[in-house]
Amino acid sequence: MNSLRNSIKLIGNLENDPEILNLESGKKLEKFSIATNDSYKNQNGELIKDTQCHQVVAWGVSQISSRNTWLRETR
């Protein structure tokens, strides 16, 4: 499972400060949520605005502290 690589880009607004959890195994994980906005016209020509909330759980000890600082500064 170490070779598994997933990448996704969410462009939106940070809803809350990231939460860092230290697991019993010594690993760390980071949880935060991002709200993304979308707008489109339906079949009747009405403008529809849609906001979705994405719950993110990030793993990676080396990346958590730098990502946490970056997310807080850009909020």
C-alpha atoms as a PDB file:
ATOM      1  CA  MET A   1       0.000   0.000   0.000  1.00  0.00           C
ATOM      2  CA  ASN A   2       3.026   2.300   0.218  1.00  0.00           C
ATOM      3  CA  SER A   3       2.968   2.709  -3.555  1.00  0.00           C
ATOM      4  CA  LEU A   4      -0.572   4.118  -3.559  1.00  0.00           C
ATOM      5  CA  ARG A   5      -0.572   7.746  -4.724  1.00  0.00           C
ATOM      6  CA  ASN A   6      -3.688   9.863  -4.967  1.00  0.00           C
ATOM      7  CA  SER A   7      -3.803  13.478  -5.975  1.00  0.00           C
ATOM      8  CA  ILE A   8      -6.717  15.873  -5.953  1.00  0.00           C
ATOM      9  CA  LYS A   9      -7.006  19.653  -6.147  1.00  0.00           C
ATOM     10  CA  LEU A  10      -9.798  21.382  -4.272  1.00  0.00           C
ATOM     11  CA  ILE A  11     -10.043  25.121  -4.683  1.00  0.00           C
ATOM     12  CA  GLY A  12     -12.300  26.616  -2.082  1.00  0.00           C
ATOM     13  CA  ASN A  13     -12.546  28.102   1.386  1.00  0.00           C
ATOM     14  CA  LEU A  14     -11.138  26.564   4.532  1.00  0.00           C
ATOM     15  CA  GLU A  15     -14.065  26.137   6.924  1.00  0.00           C
ATOM     16  CA  ASN A  16     -12.114  25.617  10.144  1.00  0.00           C
ATOM     17  CA  ASP A  17      -8.564  25.351  11.438  1.00  0.00           C
ATOM     18  CA  PRO A  18      -6.919  22.008  10.707  1.00  0.00           C
ATOM     19  CA  GLU A  19      -6.934  19.463  13.526  1.00  0.00           C
ATOM     20  CA  ILE A  20      -3.810  17.326  13.958  1.00  0.00           C
ATOM     21  CA  LEU A  21      -4.223  13.946  15.617  1.00  0.00           C
ATOM     22  CA  ASN A  22      -1.382  11.821  16.978  1.00  0.00           C
ATOM     23  CA  LEU A  23      -2.225   8.141  16.652  1.00  0.00           C
ATOM     24  CA  GLU A  24      -1.049   5.387  19.009  1.00  0.00           C
ATOM     25  CA  SER A  25       1.154   4.031  16.234  1.00  0.00           C
ATOM     26  CA  GLY A  26       3.136   7.298  16.235  1.00  0.00           C
ATOM     27  CA  LYS A  27       1.682   8.413  12.920  1.00  0.00           C
ATOM     28  CA  LYS A  28      -0.069  11.739  12.509  1.00  0.00           C
ATOM     29  CA  LEU A  29      -3.114  12.712  10.527  1.00  0.00           C
ATOM     30  CA  GLU A  30      -4.701  16.044   9.801  1.00  0.00           C
ATOM     31  CA  LYS A  31      -8.420  16.748   9.422  1.00  0.00           C
ATOM     32  CA  PHE A  32     -10.030  19.841   7.937  1.00  0.00           C
ATOM     33  CA  SER A  33     -12.942  20.795   5.721  1.00  0.00           C
ATOM     34  CA  ILE A  34     -13.070  22.842   2.537  1.00  0.00           C
ATOM     35  CA  ALA A  35     -16.157  24.439   0.984  1.00  0.00           C
ATOM     36  CA  THR A  36     -16.249  24.651  -2.807  1.00  0.00           C
ATOM     37  CA  ASN A  37     -18.675  26.763  -4.832  1.00  0.00           C
ATOM     38  CA  ASP A  38     -20.176  26.052  -8.216  1.00  0.00           C
ATOM     39  CA  SER A  39     -22.739  27.876 -10.313  1.00  0.00           C
ATOM     40  CA  TYR A  40     -24.569  26.816 -13.447  1.00  0.00           C
ATOM     41  CA  LYS A  41     -27.786  27.438 -15.347  1.00  0.00           C
ATOM     42  CA  ASN A  42     -30.493  24.810 -15.271  1.00  0.00           C
ATOM     43  CA  GLN A  43     -32.792  23.853 -18.155  1.00  0.00           C
ATOM     44  CA  ASN A  44     -35.031  26.863 -17.411  1.00  0.00           C
ATOM     45  CA  GLY A  45     -32.117  29.275 -17.627  1.00  0.00           C
ATOM     46  CA  GLU A  46     -32.089  29.945 -13.877  1.00  0.00           C
ATOM     47  CA  LEU A  47     -28.735  30.476 -12.213  1.00  0.00           C
ATOM     48  CA  ILE A  48     -28.115  27.786  -9.590  1.00  0.00           C
ATOM     49  CA  LYS A  49     -25.429  28.290  -6.946  1.00  0.00           C
ATOM     50  CA  ASP A  50     -24.214  25.175  -5.194  1.00  0.00           C
ATOM     51  CA  THR A  51     -21.834  24.901  -2.219  1.00  0.00           C
ATOM     52  CA  GLN A  52     -20.384  21.561  -1.179  1.00  0.00           C
ATOM     53  CA  CYS A  53     -18.383  20.714   1.920  1.00  0.00           C
ATOM     54  CA  HIS A  54     -15.454  18.296   1.588  1.00  0.00           C
ATOM     55  CA  GLN A  55     -14.077  16.561   4.679  1.00  0.00           C
ATOM     56  CA  VAL A  56     -10.332  16.020   4.150  1.00  0.00           C
ATOM     57  CA  VAL A  57      -8.117  13.598   6.060  1.00  0.00           C
ATOM     58  CA  ALA A  58      -4.437  13.957   5.170  1.00  0.00           C
ATOM     59  CA  TRP A  59      -1.637  11.575   6.112  1.00  0.00           C
ATOM     60  CA  GLY A  60       2.067  12.255   5.940  1.00  0.00           C
ATOM     61  CA  VAL A  61       4.228  13.225   8.884  1.00  0.00           C
ATOM     62  CA  SER A  62       6.644  15.344   6.836  1.00  0.00           C
ATOM     63  CA  GLN A  63       3.892  17.382   5.203  1.00  0.00           C
ATOM     64  CA  ILE A  64       1.505  18.013   8.094  1.00  0.00           C
ATOM     65  CA  SER A  65       3.314  20.868   9.857  1.00  0.00           C
ATOM     66  CA  SER A  66       4.043  22.823   6.661  1.00  0.00           C
ATOM     67  CA  ARG A  67       0.532  22.259   5.294  1.00  0.00           C
ATOM     68  CA  ASN A  68      -1.022  23.258   8.627  1.00  0.00           C
ATOM     69  CA  THR A  69       0.944  26.543   8.674  1.00  0.00           C
ATOM     70  CA  TRP A  70       0.090  27.274   5.035  1.00  0.00           C
ATOM     71  CA  LEU A  71      -3.630  26.573   5.523  1.00  0.00           C
ATOM     72  CA  ARG A  72      -3.841  28.843   8.574  1.00  0.00           C
ATOM     73  CA  GLU A  73      -1.952  31.701   6.849  1.00  0.00           C
ATOM     74  CA  THR A  74      -4.101  31.613   3.722  1.00  0.00           C
ATOM     75  CA  ARG A  75      -7.384  31.497   5.591  1.00  0.00           C
END
